[in-house]
Amino acid sequence: MPNPREPLVVALLGTPEVSAATLYGFFDVLAGACRDWQVVHGALDDAPPSPFHPCVITRDGLPFTAANGVRITPDFGFAECPPPAIVCITDLMLPPGVELGDRYEAEAQWIRERHAAGALIASACSGALLLAHTGLLDGLEGTSHWAYCEALRRRYPRTQWHPERGLVATGEGQRILMAGSGTAWHQLVLALIARHAGAEAAMQVARVNLLDWSTTSPIAYASLLSGTRNPDPVITRCQQWVASNYHCESPVTRMAAHSGLSERTFKRRFAQATGMSPIEYVHTLRLEEAKQMLEASDAPIEAIAAEVGYQDPSFFGRLFRRRVALSPAQYRRRFGSLKRRLSDAAQAQGSGS
């Protein structure tokens, strides 16, 4: 490991699927640790250097175009990179369920070697695709973006996946650190700074950059209908029917009749095609609609429950909390407020144009 008095080398993995915003978000926050706090207090000349030396690395060190079209010139290739204390897989703009095959075998092998040499390995959001591919998560816990965890669970069943957790530290010496959905990378970079430079340095970074450690479960943000396309045309037709009729009585029985299959065959094919039972799918549709109604209206929760198909508001509340990680009232306060602010911003833009 590096001399603690020298900046810690943080290798930020660059690939053609990386998003420049997350890659350089890590870079900027780590480079400004300790320094930026002094700068905003007028002590530019006396500002200490960052305790981190972030650098963008690729397998060959050659310039490349990132997923969103930004041209990136890395600092090092694998062969030239100084021994890193930390390796970060910031993200991969690939769809859930994609098979990596051997396209990232050079990166996976390098990550395994760096971990064996003592480096901490970190991943943010969909970067878990590559970290899981290395095999380093076998038998451990992990997290990723809410849209990826189910596919990761199927592909890597030896890892216990936690889409509800924004941050997971795991492995021997907790030398694997993973952040979940979207901007949970803020939590990851703050955790890295706190671990290696102290809680006060991390707090200064949070205050300068207006970063927050969100306590809202990532599950609350999730689309309950995320997943891969259904290949069964009969079941697809039933999904289309129930999308407009989920609130009716006995929707599963009526879907089975609509399919022309026996109820037993229908349930088996539905589960094979969608990954959930028909009644689970109906609950998913109802809860997703309830979320939209809670965001957009002030209607009583009991009325919303009835409108989406639940005559028992208590059952609706329990099911909602279990699937969304917030009560209906908590969800309305959190996301209704956000939607109103966004609507106000849109109206202000429209009135000013």
Protein backbone atom coordinates (compact mmCIF):
# COMPACT_ATOMS: atom_id res chain seq x y z
CA MET A 1 0.00 0.00 0.00
CA PRO A 2 1.19 3.57 -0.60
CA ASN A 3 2.93 5.69 1.99
CA PRO A 4 0.07 7.29 4.00
CA ARG A 5 1.76 10.72 3.66
CA GLU A 6 1.48 10.50 -0.11
CA PRO A 7 -1.79 10.97 -1.99
CA LEU A 8 -3.71 7.74 -2.42
CA VAL A 9 -3.94 6.73 -6.06
CA VAL A 10 -7.57 6.23 -7.05
CA ALA A 11 -7.90 4.48 -10.40
CA LEU A 12 -11.16 5.42 -12.14
CA LEU A 13 -11.88 2.79 -14.75
CA GLY A 14 -12.59 4.19 -18.21
CA THR A 15 -14.52 2.13 -20.75
CA PRO A 16 -16.56 2.99 -23.86
CA GLU A 17 -19.72 2.41 -21.78
CA VAL A 18 -18.82 4.81 -18.97
CA SER A 19 -20.75 8.06 -18.48
CA ALA A 20 -18.46 11.08 -18.32
CA ALA A 21 -20.58 12.80 -15.64
CA THR A 22 -20.05 10.02 -13.09
CA LEU A 23 -16.43 9.36 -14.06
CA TYR A 24 -15.41 13.01 -13.70
CA GLY A 25 -17.80 13.57 -10.81
CA PHE A 26 -15.66 11.12 -8.84
CA PHE A 27 -12.53 12.77 -10.17
CA ASP A 28 -13.54 16.31 -9.21
CA VAL A 29 -14.85 15.48 -5.73
CA LEU A 30 -11.77 13.44 -4.81
CA ALA A 31 -9.37 16.02 -6.25
CA GLY A 32 -11.04 18.76 -4.22
CA ALA A 33 -11.03 16.97 -0.87
CA CYS A 34 -9.47 19.21 1.84
CA ARG A 35 -8.40 21.75 -0.80
CA ASP A 36 -11.79 23.22 -1.72
CA TRP A 37 -12.81 23.91 1.89
CA GLN A 38 -9.81 26.19 2.25
CA VAL A 39 -10.45 27.82 -1.13
CA VAL A 40 -14.01 28.89 -0.21
CA HIS A 41 -12.60 30.40 2.98
CA GLY A 42 -10.20 32.59 1.02
CA ALA A 43 -7.06 30.55 1.65
CA LEU A 44 -6.22 29.57 -1.90
CA ASP A 45 -2.46 29.97 -1.45
CA ASP A 46 -2.50 27.89 1.73
CA ALA A 47 -4.93 25.22 0.52
CA PRO A 48 -3.54 21.74 1.18
CA PRO A 49 -3.35 19.22 -1.65
CA SER A 50 -5.99 16.55 -1.81
CA PRO A 51 -5.11 13.32 0.01
CA PHE A 52 -6.24 11.55 -3.16
CA HIS A 53 -4.67 11.33 -6.60
CA PRO A 54 -7.55 10.37 -8.92
CA CYS A 55 -6.65 9.22 -12.40
CA VAL A 56 -8.58 7.80 -15.33
CA ILE A 57 -7.19 4.47 -16.49
CA THR A 58 -7.97 2.14 -19.37
CA ARG A 59 -6.57 -1.16 -20.56
CA ASP A 60 -4.35 0.55 -23.19
CA GLY A 61 -4.21 4.22 -22.14
CA LEU A 62 -5.58 5.42 -25.49
CA PRO A 63 -8.26 8.13 -25.91
CA PHE A 64 -11.82 6.87 -26.30
CA THR A 65 -15.36 8.15 -26.68
CA ALA A 66 -17.61 7.58 -23.68
CA ALA A 67 -21.20 6.34 -23.87
CA ASN A 68 -22.68 9.83 -24.09
CA GLY A 69 -20.25 11.07 -26.76
CA VAL A 70 -17.62 12.79 -24.60
CA ARG A 71 -14.03 12.28 -25.78
CA ILE A 72 -11.85 11.12 -22.89
CA THR A 73 -8.06 10.98 -22.70
CA PRO A 74 -7.01 8.62 -19.90
CA ASP A 75 -4.04 9.26 -17.64
CA PHE A 76 -2.65 5.73 -17.76
CA GLY A 77 -3.04 2.29 -19.21
CA PHE A 78 -3.01 -0.71 -16.89
CA ALA A 79 0.72 -1.27 -17.41
CA GLU A 80 1.69 2.33 -16.54
CA CYS A 81 -0.77 3.03 -13.70
CA PRO A 82 0.89 3.52 -10.28
CA PRO A 83 -0.31 0.89 -7.78
CA PRO A 84 -3.78 2.13 -6.77
CA ALA A 85 -5.11 2.11 -3.23
CA ILE A 86 -8.65 2.31 -4.64
CA VAL A 87 -10.16 1.12 -7.93
CA CYS A 88 -13.55 2.58 -8.91
CA ILE A 89 -15.92 1.20 -11.54
CA THR A 90 -18.05 4.31 -11.81
CA ASP A 91 -20.79 2.92 -14.09
CA LEU A 92 -21.53 1.06 -17.31
CA MET A 93 -24.29 2.30 -19.62
CA LEU A 94 -25.47 -1.19 -20.52
CA PRO A 95 -28.97 -2.65 -20.17
CA PRO A 96 -29.89 -4.95 -17.26
CA GLY A 97 -29.36 -8.62 -18.04
CA VAL A 98 -26.65 -8.04 -20.64
CA GLU A 99 -24.05 -10.79 -20.93
CA LEU A 100 -20.56 -9.30 -20.72
CA GLY A 101 -18.91 -12.37 -22.21
CA ASP A 102 -15.20 -11.71 -22.67
CA ARG A 103 -15.53 -8.03 -23.70
CA TYR A 104 -14.23 -6.91 -20.30
CA GLU A 105 -11.97 -9.83 -19.43
CA ALA A 106 -8.84 -7.64 -19.40
CA GLU A 107 -10.54 -5.22 -16.98
CA ALA A 108 -11.89 -8.06 -14.82
CA GLN A 109 -8.46 -9.68 -14.55
CA TRP A 110 -6.81 -6.36 -13.68
CA ILE A 111 -9.43 -5.68 -10.98
CA ARG A 112 -8.86 -9.15 -9.49
CA GLU A 113 -5.11 -8.54 -9.43
CA ARG A 114 -5.49 -5.12 -7.78
CA HIS A 115 -7.80 -6.56 -5.13
CA ALA A 116 -5.34 -9.38 -4.43
CA ALA A 117 -2.62 -6.73 -4.03
CA GLY A 118 -4.67 -4.99 -1.30
CA ALA A 119 -6.65 -2.34 -3.16
CA LEU A 120 -10.19 -1.41 -2.20
CA ILE A 121 -12.57 -2.07 -5.09
CA ALA A 122 -15.59 0.24 -5.44
CA SER A 123 -18.50 0.26 -7.85
CA ALA A 124 -21.35 2.68 -8.41
CA CYS A 125 -24.74 1.97 -9.94
CA SER A 126 -24.45 -0.32 -13.00
CA GLY A 127 -20.71 -0.70 -12.40
CA ALA A 128 -21.83 -3.72 -10.38
CA LEU A 129 -22.17 -5.57 -13.71
CA LEU A 130 -18.39 -5.66 -14.08
CA LEU A 131 -17.62 -6.14 -10.39
CA ALA A 132 -19.92 -9.17 -10.24
CA HIS A 133 -18.29 -10.48 -13.42
CA THR A 134 -14.92 -10.61 -11.65
CA GLY A 135 -16.20 -13.21 -9.19
CA LEU A 136 -15.12 -11.10 -6.21
CA LEU A 137 -18.71 -10.88 -4.97
CA ASP A 138 -19.28 -14.63 -4.73
CA GLY A 139 -20.69 -15.39 -1.27
CA LEU A 140 -20.92 -11.71 -0.37
CA GLU A 141 -23.54 -8.95 -0.30
CA GLY A 142 -23.92 -6.39 -3.07
CA THR A 143 -26.06 -3.58 -4.42
CA SER A 144 -26.68 -1.79 -7.69
CA HIS A 145 -29.24 0.40 -9.41
CA TRP A 146 -32.78 -0.81 -8.65
CA ALA A 147 -33.32 -1.66 -12.33
CA TYR A 148 -30.34 -4.05 -12.36
CA CYS A 149 -30.59 -6.04 -9.14
CA GLU A 150 -33.12 -8.63 -10.32
CA ALA A 151 -31.08 -9.45 -13.43
CA LEU A 152 -27.91 -9.54 -11.32
CA ARG A 153 -29.63 -11.86 -8.86
CA ARG A 154 -30.46 -14.30 -11.64
CA ARG A 155 -27.02 -14.09 -13.24
CA TYR A 156 -25.01 -14.16 -9.97
CA PRO A 157 -27.08 -16.12 -7.43
CA ARG A 158 -24.12 -16.57 -5.07
CA THR A 159 -24.29 -12.85 -4.23
CA GLN A 160 -26.98 -11.52 -1.90
CA TRP A 161 -28.29 -8.43 -3.70
CA HIS A 162 -29.81 -5.49 -1.79
CA PRO A 163 -31.56 -2.99 -4.09
CA GLU A 164 -32.96 -1.28 -0.98
CA ARG A 165 -29.50 -0.27 0.26
CA GLY A 166 -27.72 2.82 -1.03
CA LEU A 167 -24.31 1.62 0.16
CA VAL A 168 -22.85 -1.82 0.89
CA ALA A 169 -19.42 -2.53 2.40
CA THR A 170 -18.47 -6.18 2.14
CA GLY A 171 -15.66 -8.70 1.85
CA GLU A 172 -12.52 -9.23 3.90
CA GLY A 173 -11.62 -5.97 5.59
CA GLN A 174 -14.66 -4.45 3.87
CA ARG A 175 -12.44 -3.82 0.85
CA ILE A 176 -15.39 -3.92 -1.52
CA LEU A 177 -17.65 -0.87 -1.42
CA MET A 178 -20.73 -0.57 -3.61
CA ALA A 179 -23.25 2.21 -4.19
CA GLY A 180 -26.74 1.63 -5.52
CA SER A 181 -28.92 3.73 -7.73
CA GLY A 182 -28.04 6.83 -9.70
CA THR A 183 -26.57 9.60 -7.57
CA ALA A 184 -25.90 7.18 -4.70
CA TRP A 185 -22.34 7.55 -6.04
CA HIS A 186 -22.28 10.68 -3.87
CA GLN A 187 -22.58 8.41 -0.84
CA LEU A 188 -19.82 6.20 -2.19
CA VAL A 189 -17.34 9.02 -2.73
CA LEU A 190 -18.14 10.50 0.70
CA ALA A 191 -17.64 7.08 2.28
CA LEU A 192 -14.26 6.72 0.54
CA ILE A 193 -13.16 10.15 1.77
CA ALA A 194 -14.35 9.43 5.31
CA ARG A 195 -12.56 6.09 5.40
CA HIS A 196 -9.23 7.38 4.07
CA ALA A 197 -9.15 11.05 5.07
CA GLY A 198 -11.50 11.22 8.06
CA ALA A 199 -15.10 12.16 8.76
CA GLU A 200 -14.33 15.88 8.99
CA ALA A 201 -12.80 15.96 5.51
CA ALA A 202 -15.85 14.13 4.15
CA MET A 203 -18.16 16.59 5.90
CA GLN A 204 -16.32 19.52 4.36
CA VAL A 205 -16.67 17.98 0.90
CA ALA A 206 -20.40 17.43 1.50
CA ARG A 207 -20.88 21.05 2.57
CA VAL A 208 -18.88 22.59 -0.27
CA ASN A 209 -20.60 20.47 -2.92
CA LEU A 210 -24.09 20.42 -1.30
CA LEU A 211 -24.02 16.63 -1.16
CA ASP A 212 -26.48 14.78 1.03
CA TRP A 213 -26.56 11.27 2.49
CA SER A 214 -30.12 10.36 1.52
CA THR A 215 -32.00 8.16 3.97
CA THR A 216 -34.78 7.40 1.48
CA SER A 217 -34.56 3.80 0.29
CA PRO A 218 -33.66 3.46 -3.41
CA ILE A 219 -36.66 1.15 -3.70
CA ALA A 220 -38.94 4.17 -3.25
CA TYR A 221 -37.62 5.55 -6.56
CA ALA A 222 -37.94 2.27 -8.44
CA SER A 223 -40.36 1.56 -11.24
CA LEU A 224 -42.12 -1.58 -10.11
CA LEU A 225 -42.56 -2.57 -13.75
CA SER A 226 -38.88 -2.58 -14.69
CA GLY A 227 -37.61 -5.69 -16.41
CA THR A 228 -36.95 -7.37 -19.72
CA ARG A 229 -39.46 -7.75 -22.53
CA ASN A 230 -41.83 -10.70 -22.43
CA PRO A 231 -41.28 -13.14 -25.35
CA ASP A 232 -44.66 -14.93 -25.08
CA PRO A 233 -47.28 -13.27 -27.35
CA VAL A 234 -50.23 -14.83 -25.48
CA ILE A 235 -48.99 -13.45 -22.18
CA THR A 236 -48.19 -10.12 -23.81
CA ARG A 237 -51.81 -9.89 -24.92
CA CYS A 238 -52.93 -10.59 -21.34
CA GLN A 239 -50.57 -7.92 -20.01
CA GLN A 240 -52.05 -5.42 -22.43
CA TRP A 241 -55.57 -6.33 -21.29
CA VAL A 242 -54.83 -6.13 -17.57
CA ALA A 243 -53.01 -2.79 -17.99
CA SER A 244 -56.48 -1.25 -18.48
CA ASN A 245 -58.42 -3.62 -16.21
CA TYR A 246 -56.21 -4.18 -13.15
CA HIS A 247 -58.81 -2.57 -10.88
CA CYS A 248 -61.56 -5.08 -11.71
CA GLU A 249 -62.60 -8.02 -9.52
CA SER A 250 -60.86 -11.39 -10.07
CA PRO A 251 -58.36 -10.03 -12.63
CA VAL A 252 -56.29 -13.23 -12.70
CA THR A 253 -59.29 -15.41 -13.52
CA ARG A 254 -60.35 -12.98 -16.23
CA MET A 255 -56.80 -12.85 -17.66
CA ALA A 256 -56.74 -16.65 -17.82
CA ALA A 257 -60.04 -16.62 -19.70
CA HIS A 258 -58.68 -13.93 -22.03
CA SER A 259 -55.64 -16.13 -22.77
CA GLY A 260 -57.69 -19.13 -23.89
CA LEU A 261 -55.49 -21.35 -21.72
CA SER A 262 -56.37 -23.41 -18.69
CA GLU A 263 -55.80 -21.44 -15.50
CA ARG A 264 -52.93 -23.75 -14.45
CA THR A 265 -51.20 -23.44 -17.84
CA PHE A 266 -51.80 -19.70 -17.88
CA LYS A 267 -50.19 -19.19 -14.46
CA ARG A 268 -47.19 -21.32 -15.42
CA ARG A 269 -46.60 -19.47 -18.70
CA PHE A 270 -47.18 -16.08 -17.10
CA ALA A 271 -44.52 -16.78 -14.45
CA GLN A 272 -42.08 -18.04 -17.09
CA ALA A 273 -42.62 -14.95 -19.25
CA THR A 274 -42.62 -12.23 -16.57
CA GLY A 275 -40.74 -13.64 -13.60
CA MET A 276 -43.74 -13.14 -11.29
CA SER A 277 -47.10 -14.74 -10.66
CA PRO A 278 -50.21 -13.17 -12.24
CA ILE A 279 -51.45 -11.80 -8.90
CA GLU A 280 -48.01 -10.32 -8.16
CA TYR A 281 -48.14 -8.62 -11.54
CA VAL A 282 -51.60 -7.22 -10.82
CA HIS A 283 -50.38 -5.86 -7.48
CA THR A 284 -47.42 -4.30 -9.29
CA LEU A 285 -49.67 -2.52 -11.78
CA ARG A 286 -51.98 -1.30 -9.04
CA LEU A 287 -49.16 0.00 -6.85
CA GLU A 288 -47.41 1.74 -9.74
CA GLU A 289 -50.67 3.53 -10.60
CA ALA A 290 -51.16 4.40 -6.92
CA LYS A 291 -47.70 5.95 -6.85
CA GLN A 292 -48.58 8.17 -9.81
CA MET A 293 -51.84 9.23 -8.13
CA LEU A 294 -50.10 9.98 -4.83
CA GLU A 295 -47.59 12.18 -6.67
CA ALA A 296 -50.18 14.07 -8.69
CA SER A 297 -53.23 14.51 -6.45
CA ASP A 298 -54.39 15.24 -2.93
CA ALA A 299 -57.11 12.57 -3.04
CA PRO A 300 -57.55 10.63 0.22
CA ILE A 301 -55.40 7.52 0.40
CA GLU A 302 -58.50 5.38 0.98
CA ALA A 303 -59.96 6.71 -2.29
CA ILE A 304 -56.75 5.96 -4.19
CA ALA A 305 -56.70 2.43 -2.75
CA ALA A 306 -60.27 1.84 -3.94
CA GLU A 307 -59.64 3.33 -7.37
CA VAL A 308 -56.74 0.96 -8.09
CA GLY A 309 -58.68 -2.07 -6.86
CA TYR A 310 -58.24 -2.39 -3.07
CA GLN A 311 -61.37 -2.20 -0.92
CA ASP A 312 -59.32 -2.69 2.26
CA PRO A 313 -57.15 0.43 2.83
CA SER A 314 -55.17 -1.33 5.57
CA PHE A 315 -54.15 -4.13 3.22
CA PHE A 316 -53.22 -1.55 0.58
CA GLY A 317 -51.07 0.33 3.10
CA ARG A 318 -49.22 -2.81 4.23
CA LEU A 319 -48.62 -3.97 0.66
CA PHE A 320 -47.47 -0.51 -0.43
CA ARG A 321 -44.96 -0.25 2.42
CA ARG A 322 -43.63 -3.75 1.74
CA ARG A 323 -43.07 -3.08 -1.96
CA VAL A 324 -42.11 0.62 -1.94
CA ALA A 325 -40.32 0.90 1.45
CA LEU A 326 -42.46 3.93 2.40
CA SER A 327 -46.05 4.25 3.56
CA PRO A 328 -48.45 5.90 1.09
CA ALA A 329 -48.43 9.08 3.18
CA GLN A 330 -44.62 9.13 3.34
CA TYR A 331 -44.43 8.54 -0.41
CA ARG A 332 -46.79 11.44 -1.07
CA ARG A 333 -44.76 13.80 1.13
CA ARG A 334 -41.49 12.79 -0.51
CA PHE A 335 -42.43 12.57 -4.18
CA GLY A 336 -45.54 14.74 -4.34
CA SER A 337 -43.40 17.64 -3.16
CA LEU A 338 -40.74 16.85 -5.77
CA LYS A 339 -43.31 16.65 -8.57
CA ARG A 340 -44.84 19.98 -7.56
CA ARG A 341 -41.43 21.65 -7.62
CA LEU A 342 -40.69 20.22 -11.04
CA SER A 343 -44.11 21.30 -12.32
CA ASP A 344 -43.54 24.81 -10.97
CA ALA A 345 -40.15 24.92 -12.68
CA ALA A 346 -41.69 23.79 -15.97
CA GLN A 347 -44.43 26.44 -15.74
CA ALA A 348 -41.91 29.14 -14.93
CA GLN A 349 -39.87 28.17 -17.95
CA GLY A 350 -42.98 28.20 -20.14
CA SER A 351 -44.10 31.63 -18.92
CA GLY A 352 -40.64 33.08 -19.50
CA SER A 353 -40.25 31.82 -23.07
